PDB file of all heavy atoms in Angstrom:
ATOM      1  N   VAL A   1      -0.757   2.852   7.064  1.00  0.00           N
ATOM      2  CA  VAL A   1      -1.550   1.854   6.313  1.00  0.00           C
ATOM      3  C   VAL A   1      -1.739   2.361   4.894  1.00  0.00           C
ATOM      4  O   VAL A   1      -2.079   3.627   4.816  1.00  0.00           O
ATOM      5  CB  VAL A   1      -2.846   1.480   7.045  1.00  0.00           C
ATOM      6  CG1 VAL A   1      -3.789   2.689   7.109  1.00  0.00           C
ATOM      7  CG2 VAL A   1      -3.544   0.406   6.318  1.00  0.00           C
ATOM      8  N   LEU A   2      -1.732   1.436   3.952  1.00  0.00           N
ATOM      9  CA  LEU A   2      -2.229   1.727   2.611  1.00  0.00           C
ATOM     10  C   LEU A   2      -3.478   0.898   2.421  1.00  0.00           C
ATOM     11  O   LEU A   2      -3.364  -0.345   2.453  1.00  0.00           O
ATOM     12  CB  LEU A   2      -1.189   1.395   1.547  1.00  0.00           C
ATOM     13  CG  LEU A   2      -1.740   1.395   0.069  1.00  0.00           C
ATOM     14  CD1 LEU A   2      -2.237   2.722  -0.287  1.00  0.00           C
ATOM     15  CD2 LEU A   2      -0.649   0.909  -0.852  1.00  0.00           C
ATOM     16  N   ILE A   3      -4.654   1.511   2.196  1.00  0.00           N
ATOM     17  CA  ILE A   3      -5.810   0.852   1.905  1.00  0.00           C
ATOM     18  C   ILE A   3      -6.023   0.897   0.408  1.00  0.00           C
ATOM     19  O   ILE A   3      -6.261   1.991  -0.083  1.00  0.00           O
ATOM     20  CB  ILE A   3      -7.026   1.402   2.707  1.00  0.00           C
ATOM     21  CG1 ILE A   3      -6.781   1.266   4.212  1.00  0.00           C
ATOM     22  CG2 ILE A   3      -8.386   0.683   2.331  1.00  0.00           C
ATOM     23  CD1 ILE A   3      -7.805   1.988   5.062  1.00  0.00           C
ATOM     24  N   SER A   4      -6.031  -0.203  -0.211  1.00  0.00           N
ATOM     25  CA  SER A   4      -6.177  -0.237  -1.764  1.00  0.00           C
ATOM     26  C   SER A   4      -6.858  -1.476  -2.153  1.00  0.00           C
ATOM     27  O   SER A   4      -6.475  -2.599  -1.806  1.00  0.00           O
ATOM     28  CB  SER A   4      -4.819  -0.130  -2.405  1.00  0.00           C
ATOM     29  OG  SER A   4      -4.994  -0.101  -3.774  1.00  0.00           O
ATOM     30  N   GLU A   5      -7.974  -1.281  -2.994  1.00  0.00           N
ATOM     31  CA  GLU A   5      -8.755  -2.453  -3.464  1.00  0.00           C
ATOM     32  C   GLU A   5      -8.411  -2.843  -4.898  1.00  0.00           C
ATOM     33  O   GLU A   5      -9.013  -3.698  -5.465  1.00  0.00           O
ATOM     34  CB  GLU A   5     -10.249  -2.169  -3.346  1.00  0.00           C
ATOM     35  CG  GLU A   5     -10.675  -1.896  -1.908  1.00  0.00           C
ATOM     36  CD  GLU A   5     -12.129  -1.500  -1.852  1.00  0.00           C
ATOM     37  OE1 GLU A   5     -12.640  -0.958  -2.837  1.00  0.00           O
ATOM     38  OE2 GLU A   5     -12.781  -1.870  -0.817  1.00  0.00           O
ATOM     39  N   ASN A   6      -7.356  -2.176  -5.454  1.00  0.00           N
ATOM     40  CA  ASN A   6      -7.000  -2.462  -6.833  1.00  0.00           C
ATOM     41  C   ASN A   6      -5.528  -2.673  -7.051  1.00  0.00           C
ATOM     42  O   ASN A   6      -4.756  -2.574  -6.110  1.00  0.00           O
ATOM     43  CB  ASN A   6      -7.516  -1.277  -7.733  1.00  0.00           C
ATOM     44  CG  ASN A   6      -6.945   0.043  -7.335  1.00  0.00           C
ATOM     45  OD1 ASN A   6      -5.765   0.199  -7.073  1.00  0.00           O
ATOM     46  ND2 ASN A   6      -7.877   1.054  -7.203  1.00  0.00           N
ATOM     47  N   ALA A   7      -5.110  -2.966  -8.245  1.00  0.00           N
ATOM     48  CA  ALA A   7      -3.744  -3.339  -8.506  1.00  0.00           C
ATOM     49  C   ALA A   7      -2.791  -2.153  -8.315  1.00  0.00           C
ATOM     50  O   ALA A   7      -1.547  -2.365  -8.315  1.00  0.00           O
ATOM     51  CB  ALA A   7      -3.604  -3.855  -9.930  1.00  0.00           C
ATOM     52  N   HIS A   8      -3.271  -0.955  -8.203  1.00  0.00           N
ATOM     53  CA  HIS A   8      -2.402   0.220  -7.989  1.00  0.00           C
ATOM     54  C   HIS A   8      -1.713   0.129  -6.657  1.00  0.00           C
ATOM     55  O   HIS A   8      -0.813   0.890  -6.389  1.00  0.00           O
ATOM     56  CB  HIS A   8      -3.281   1.536  -8.058  1.00  0.00           C
ATOM     57  CG  HIS A   8      -2.441   2.707  -8.066  1.00  0.00           C
ATOM     58  ND1 HIS A   8      -1.431   2.980  -9.032  1.00  0.00           N
ATOM     59  CD2 HIS A   8      -2.515   3.806  -7.272  1.00  0.00           C
ATOM     60  CE1 HIS A   8      -0.912   4.147  -8.844  1.00  0.00           C
ATOM     61  NE2 HIS A   8      -1.485   4.713  -7.766  1.00  0.00           N
ATOM     62  N   ALA A   9      -2.159  -0.797  -5.762  1.00  0.00           N
ATOM     63  CA  ALA A   9      -1.581  -0.947  -4.430  1.00  0.00           C
ATOM     64  C   ALA A   9      -0.068  -1.223  -4.509  1.00  0.00           C
ATOM     65  O   ALA A   9       0.686  -0.712  -3.703  1.00  0.00           O
ATOM     66  CB  ALA A   9      -2.232  -2.038  -3.737  1.00  0.00           C
ATOM     67  N   VAL A  10       0.358  -1.961  -5.484  1.00  0.00           N
ATOM     68  CA  VAL A  10       1.788  -2.308  -5.612  1.00  0.00           C
ATOM     69  C   VAL A  10       2.662  -1.098  -5.829  1.00  0.00           C
ATOM     70  O   VAL A  10       3.665  -0.899  -5.089  1.00  0.00           O
ATOM     71  CB  VAL A  10       1.978  -3.351  -6.723  1.00  0.00           C
ATOM     72  CG1 VAL A  10       3.517  -3.671  -6.947  1.00  0.00           C
ATOM     73  CG2 VAL A  10       1.274  -4.665  -6.384  1.00  0.00           C
ATOM     74  N   HIS A  11       2.256  -0.309  -6.766  1.00  0.00           N
ATOM     75  CA  HIS A  11       3.094   0.865  -7.122  1.00  0.00           C
ATOM     76  C   HIS A  11       2.989   1.863  -5.904  1.00  0.00           C
ATOM     77  O   HIS A  11       3.992   2.446  -5.535  1.00  0.00           O
ATOM     78  CB  HIS A  11       2.509   1.525  -8.366  1.00  0.00           C
ATOM     79  CG  HIS A  11       3.227   2.857  -8.677  1.00  0.00           C
ATOM     80  ND1 HIS A  11       4.433   3.018  -9.158  1.00  0.00           N
ATOM     81  CD2 HIS A  11       2.777   4.119  -8.506  1.00  0.00           C
ATOM     82  CE1 HIS A  11       4.831   4.175  -9.359  1.00  0.00           C
ATOM     83  NE2 HIS A  11       3.765   4.911  -9.002  1.00  0.00           N
ATOM     84  N   MET A  12       1.799   2.043  -5.420  1.00  0.00           N
ATOM     85  CA  MET A  12       1.604   3.067  -4.272  1.00  0.00           C
ATOM     86  C   MET A  12       2.386   2.679  -3.118  1.00  0.00           C
ATOM     87  O   MET A  12       3.017   3.580  -2.446  1.00  0.00           O
ATOM     88  CB  MET A  12       0.135   3.187  -3.941  1.00  0.00           C
ATOM     89  CG  MET A  12      -0.213   4.165  -2.908  1.00  0.00           C
ATOM     90  SD  MET A  12       0.052   5.843  -3.394  1.00  0.00           S
ATOM     91  CE  MET A  12      -1.648   6.431  -3.521  1.00  0.00           C
ATOM     92  N   ALA A  13       2.411   1.377  -2.726  1.00  0.00           N
ATOM     93  CA  ALA A  13       3.074   0.941  -1.548  1.00  0.00           C
ATOM     94  C   ALA A  13       4.641   1.202  -1.683  1.00  0.00           C
ATOM     95  O   ALA A  13       5.264   1.687  -0.704  1.00  0.00           O
ATOM     96  CB  ALA A  13       2.864  -0.467  -1.226  1.00  0.00           C
ATOM     97  N   LYS A  14       5.126   1.037  -2.829  1.00  0.00           N
ATOM     98  CA  LYS A  14       6.547   1.177  -3.069  1.00  0.00           C
ATOM     99  C   LYS A  14       6.855   2.730  -2.923  1.00  0.00           C
ATOM    100  O   LYS A  14       7.985   3.128  -2.438  1.00  0.00           O
ATOM    101  CB  LYS A  14       7.002   0.712  -4.470  1.00  0.00           C
ATOM    102  CG  LYS A  14       6.933  -0.810  -4.538  1.00  0.00           C
ATOM    103  CD  LYS A  14       7.256  -1.297  -5.983  1.00  0.00           C
ATOM    104  CE  LYS A  14       7.163  -2.787  -6.065  1.00  0.00           C
ATOM    105  NZ  LYS A  14       7.437  -3.285  -7.482  1.00  0.00           N
ATOM    106  N   MET A  15       5.908   3.541  -3.414  1.00  0.00           N
ATOM    107  CA  MET A  15       6.215   5.002  -3.281  1.00  0.00           C
ATOM    108  C   MET A  15       6.129   5.438  -1.841  1.00  0.00           C
ATOM    109  O   MET A  15       7.014   6.222  -1.377  1.00  0.00           O
ATOM    110  CB  MET A  15       5.066   5.745  -4.055  1.00  0.00           C
ATOM    111  CG  MET A  15       5.031   5.516  -5.623  1.00  0.00           C
ATOM    112  SD  MET A  15       6.557   6.096  -6.358  1.00  0.00           S
ATOM    113  CE  MET A  15       6.353   7.863  -6.240  1.00  0.00           C
ATOM    114  N   ILE A  16       5.116   4.975  -1.037  1.00  0.00           N
ATOM    115  CA  ILE A  16       5.012   5.349   0.354  1.00  0.00           C
ATOM    116  C   ILE A  16       6.196   4.976   1.201  1.00  0.00           C
ATOM    117  O   ILE A  16       6.539   5.618   2.171  1.00  0.00           O
ATOM    118  CB  ILE A  16       3.683   4.756   0.918  1.00  0.00           C
ATOM    119  CG1 ILE A  16       2.435   5.302   0.190  1.00  0.00           C
ATOM    120  CG2 ILE A  16       3.604   5.091   2.414  1.00  0.00           C
ATOM    121  CD1 ILE A  16       1.216   4.505   0.466  1.00  0.00           C
ATOM    122  N   TYR A  17       6.834   3.861   0.842  1.00  0.00           N
ATOM    123  CA  TYR A  17       7.971   3.366   1.570  1.00  0.00           C
ATOM    124  C   TYR A  17       9.122   4.371   1.666  1.00  0.00           C
ATOM    125  O   TYR A  17       9.929   4.338   2.633  1.00  0.00           O
ATOM    126  CB  TYR A  17       8.458   2.100   0.901  1.00  0.00           C
ATOM    127  CG  TYR A  17       9.546   1.250   1.642  1.00  0.00           C
ATOM    128  CD1 TYR A  17       9.176   0.461   2.666  1.00  0.00           C
ATOM    129  CD2 TYR A  17      10.848   1.317   1.290  1.00  0.00           C
ATOM    130  CE1 TYR A  17      10.065  -0.308   3.448  1.00  0.00           C
ATOM    131  CE2 TYR A  17      11.813   0.585   1.964  1.00  0.00           C
ATOM    132  CZ  TYR A  17      11.430  -0.215   3.062  1.00  0.00           C
ATOM    133  OH  TYR A  17      12.329  -0.940   3.746  1.00  0.00           O
ATOM    134  N   GLN A  18       9.217   5.277   0.738  1.00  0.00           N
ATOM    135  CA  GLN A  18      10.170   6.358   0.789  1.00  0.00           C
ATOM    136  C   GLN A  18       9.936   7.239   2.024  1.00  0.00           C
ATOM    137  O   GLN A  18      10.960   7.743   2.533  1.00  0.00           O
ATOM    138  CB  GLN A  18      10.117   7.189  -0.482  1.00  0.00           C
ATOM    139  CG  GLN A  18      11.059   8.384  -0.527  1.00  0.00           C
ATOM    140  CD  GLN A  18      12.515   7.986  -0.495  1.00  0.00           C
ATOM    141  OE1 GLN A  18      12.855   6.877  -0.813  1.00  0.00           O
ATOM    142  NE2 GLN A  18      13.372   8.989  -0.103  1.00  0.00           N
ATOM    143  N   TRP A  19       8.730   7.419   2.435  1.00  0.00           N
ATOM    144  CA  TRP A  19       8.469   8.276   3.587  1.00  0.00           C
ATOM    145  C   TRP A  19       8.360   7.458   4.925  1.00  0.00           C
ATOM    146  O   TRP A  19       8.612   8.090   5.966  1.00  0.00           O
ATOM    147  CB  TRP A  19       7.178   9.023   3.364  1.00  0.00           C
ATOM    148  CG  TRP A  19       7.362  10.138   2.328  1.00  0.00           C
ATOM    149  CD1 TRP A  19       7.673  11.446   2.675  1.00  0.00           C
ATOM    150  CD2 TRP A  19       7.179  10.111   0.934  1.00  0.00           C
ATOM    151  NE1 TRP A  19       7.769  12.220   1.452  1.00  0.00           N
ATOM    152  CE2 TRP A  19       7.437  11.414   0.417  1.00  0.00           C
ATOM    153  CE3 TRP A  19       6.709   9.112   0.032  1.00  0.00           C
ATOM    154  CZ2 TRP A  19       7.303  11.724  -0.926  1.00  0.00           C
ATOM    155  CZ3 TRP A  19       6.670   9.386  -1.248  1.00  0.00           C
ATOM    156  CH2 TRP A  19       6.947  10.697  -1.761  1.00  0.00           C
ATOM    157  N   SER A  20       7.985   6.235   4.856  1.00  0.00           N
ATOM    158  CA  SER A  20       7.878   5.448   6.121  1.00  0.00           C
ATOM    159  C   SER A  20       8.063   4.008   5.815  1.00  0.00           C
ATOM    160  O   SER A  20       7.403   3.395   4.937  1.00  0.00           O
ATOM    161  CB  SER A  20       6.466   5.661   6.726  1.00  0.00           C
ATOM    162  OG  SER A  20       6.432   4.812   7.956  1.00  0.00           O
ATOM    163  N   LYS A  21       8.939   3.402   6.578  1.00  0.00           N
ATOM    164  CA  LYS A  21       9.202   1.977   6.459  1.00  0.00           C
ATOM    165  C   LYS A  21       8.237   1.100   7.232  1.00  0.00           C
ATOM    166  O   LYS A  21       8.196  -0.076   7.077  1.00  0.00           O
ATOM    167  CB  LYS A  21      10.633   1.597   6.853  1.00  0.00           C
ATOM    168  CG  LYS A  21      11.767   2.514   6.183  1.00  0.00           C
ATOM    169  CD  LYS A  21      11.760   2.242   4.672  1.00  0.00           C
ATOM    170  CE  LYS A  21      12.925   2.959   3.984  1.00  0.00           C
ATOM    171  NZ  LYS A  21      12.640   4.402   3.813  1.00  0.00           N
ATOM    172  N   ASP A  22       7.493   1.799   8.119  1.00  0.00           N
ATOM    173  CA  ASP A  22       6.515   1.094   8.978  1.00  0.00           C
ATOM    174  C   ASP A  22       5.172   1.100   8.209  1.00  0.00           C
ATOM    175  O   ASP A  22       4.351   2.099   8.370  1.00  0.00           O
ATOM    176  CB  ASP A  22       6.388   1.791  10.303  1.00  0.00           C
ATOM    177  CG  ASP A  22       5.517   1.070  11.370  1.00  0.00           C
ATOM    178  OD1 ASP A  22       4.713   0.113  10.892  1.00  0.00           O
ATOM    179  OD2 ASP A  22       5.534   1.398  12.534  1.00  0.00           O
ATOM    180  N   LEU A  23       4.932   0.158   7.423  1.00  0.00           N
ATOM    181  CA  LEU A  23       3.806   0.141   6.482  1.00  0.00           C
ATOM    182  C   LEU A  23       3.113  -1.229   6.310  1.00  0.00           C
ATOM    183  O   LEU A  23       3.839  -2.233   6.378  1.00  0.00           O
ATOM    184  CB  LEU A  23       4.268   0.599   5.081  1.00  0.00           C
ATOM    185  CG  LEU A  23       3.316   0.578   3.955  1.00  0.00           C
ATOM    186  CD1 LEU A  23       2.307   1.655   4.218  1.00  0.00           C
ATOM    187  CD2 LEU A  23       4.075   0.840   2.645  1.00  0.00           C
ATOM    188  N   ILE A  24       1.803  -1.170   6.335  1.00  0.00           N
ATOM    189  CA  ILE A  24       1.019  -2.352   6.073  1.00  0.00           C
ATOM    190  C   ILE A  24       0.130  -2.078   4.873  1.00  0.00           C
ATOM    191  O   ILE A  24      -0.406  -0.918   4.718  1.00  0.00           O
ATOM    192  CB  ILE A  24       0.216  -2.773   7.287  1.00  0.00           C
ATOM    193  CG1 ILE A  24      -0.502  -4.167   6.970  1.00  0.00           C
ATOM    194  CG2 ILE A  24      -0.739  -1.697   7.744  1.00  0.00           C
ATOM    195  CD1 ILE A  24      -1.180  -4.648   8.219  1.00  0.00           C
ATOM    196  N   ILE A  25      -0.173  -3.054   4.060  1.00  0.00           N
ATOM    197  CA  ILE A  25      -1.118  -2.949   2.902  1.00  0.00           C
ATOM    198  C   ILE A  25      -2.335  -3.701   3.229  1.00  0.00           C
ATOM    199  O   ILE A  25      -2.324  -4.882   3.582  1.00  0.00           O
ATOM    200  CB  ILE A  25      -0.472  -3.462   1.594  1.00  0.00           C
ATOM    201  CG1 ILE A  25       0.873  -2.786   1.304  1.00  0.00           C
ATOM    202  CG2 ILE A  25      -1.446  -3.257   0.474  1.00  0.00           C
ATOM    203  CD1 ILE A  25       1.602  -3.430   0.141  1.00  0.00           C
ATOM    204  N   CYS A  26      -3.451  -3.110   3.118  1.00  0.00           N
ATOM    205  CA  CYS A  26      -4.805  -3.772   3.348  1.00  0.00           C
ATOM    206  C   CYS A  26      -5.583  -3.643   2.035  1.00  0.00           C
ATOM    207  O   CYS A  26      -5.858  -2.603   1.572  1.00  0.00           O
ATOM    208  CB  CYS A  26      -5.590  -3.045   4.467  1.00  0.00           C
ATOM    209  SG  CYS A  26      -4.777  -3.153   6.039  1.00  0.00           S
ATOM    210  N   THR A  27      -5.981  -4.830   1.507  1.00  0.00           N
ATOM    211  CA  THR A  27      -6.704  -4.853   0.280  1.00  0.00           C
ATOM    212  C   THR A  27      -8.218  -5.025   0.462  1.00  0.00           C
ATOM    213  O   THR A  27      -8.941  -5.080  -0.579  1.00  0.00           O
ATOM    214  CB  THR A  27      -6.161  -5.996  -0.663  1.00  0.00           C
ATOM    215  OG1 THR A  27      -6.535  -7.291   0.001  1.00  0.00           O
ATOM    216  CG2 THR A  27      -4.679  -5.909  -0.910  1.00  0.00           C
ATOM    217  N   ASN A  28      -8.668  -5.122   1.664  1.00  0.00           N
ATOM    218  CA  ASN A  28     -10.082  -5.131   2.021  1.00  0.00           C
ATOM    219  C   ASN A  28     -10.793  -6.262   1.273  1.00  0.00           C
ATOM    220  O   ASN A  28     -11.793  -6.075   0.620  1.00  0.00           O
ATOM    221  CB  ASN A  28     -10.732  -3.762   1.727  1.00  0.00           C
ATOM    222  CG  ASN A  28     -12.090  -3.615   2.370  1.00  0.00           C
ATOM    223  OD1 ASN A  28     -12.360  -4.216   3.358  1.00  0.00           O
ATOM    224  ND2 ASN A  28     -12.986  -2.972   1.677  1.00  0.00           N
ATOM    225  N   GLY A  29     -10.307  -7.499   1.337  1.00  0.00           N
ATOM    226  CA  GLY A  29     -10.929  -8.670   0.787  1.00  0.00           C
ATOM    227  C   GLY A  29     -10.667  -8.925  -0.679  1.00  0.00           C
ATOM    228  O   GLY A  29     -11.231  -9.885  -1.261  1.00  0.00           O
ATOM    229  N   ASN A  30      -9.831  -8.126  -1.299  1.00  0.00           N
ATOM    230  CA  ASN A  30      -9.478  -8.245  -2.690  1.00  0.00           C
ATOM    231  C   ASN A  30      -8.047  -8.865  -2.847  1.00  0.00           C
ATOM    232  O   ASN A  30      -7.164  -8.465  -2.204  1.00  0.00           O
ATOM    233  CB  ASN A  30      -9.544  -7.002  -3.432  1.00  0.00           C
ATOM    234  CG  ASN A  30     -10.915  -6.270  -3.324  1.00  0.00           C
ATOM    235  OD1 ASN A  30     -11.792  -6.646  -4.168  1.00  0.00           O
ATOM    236  ND2 ASN A  30     -11.135  -5.413  -2.389  1.00  0.00           N
TER     237      ASN A  30
END
């Protein structure tokens, strides 16, 4: 899981995808 409340989520998720394709992004209400 990527927990991110800001716009950095987009870049971070793309980076994490290199290590794992099983990924969900949670923005916690944002």
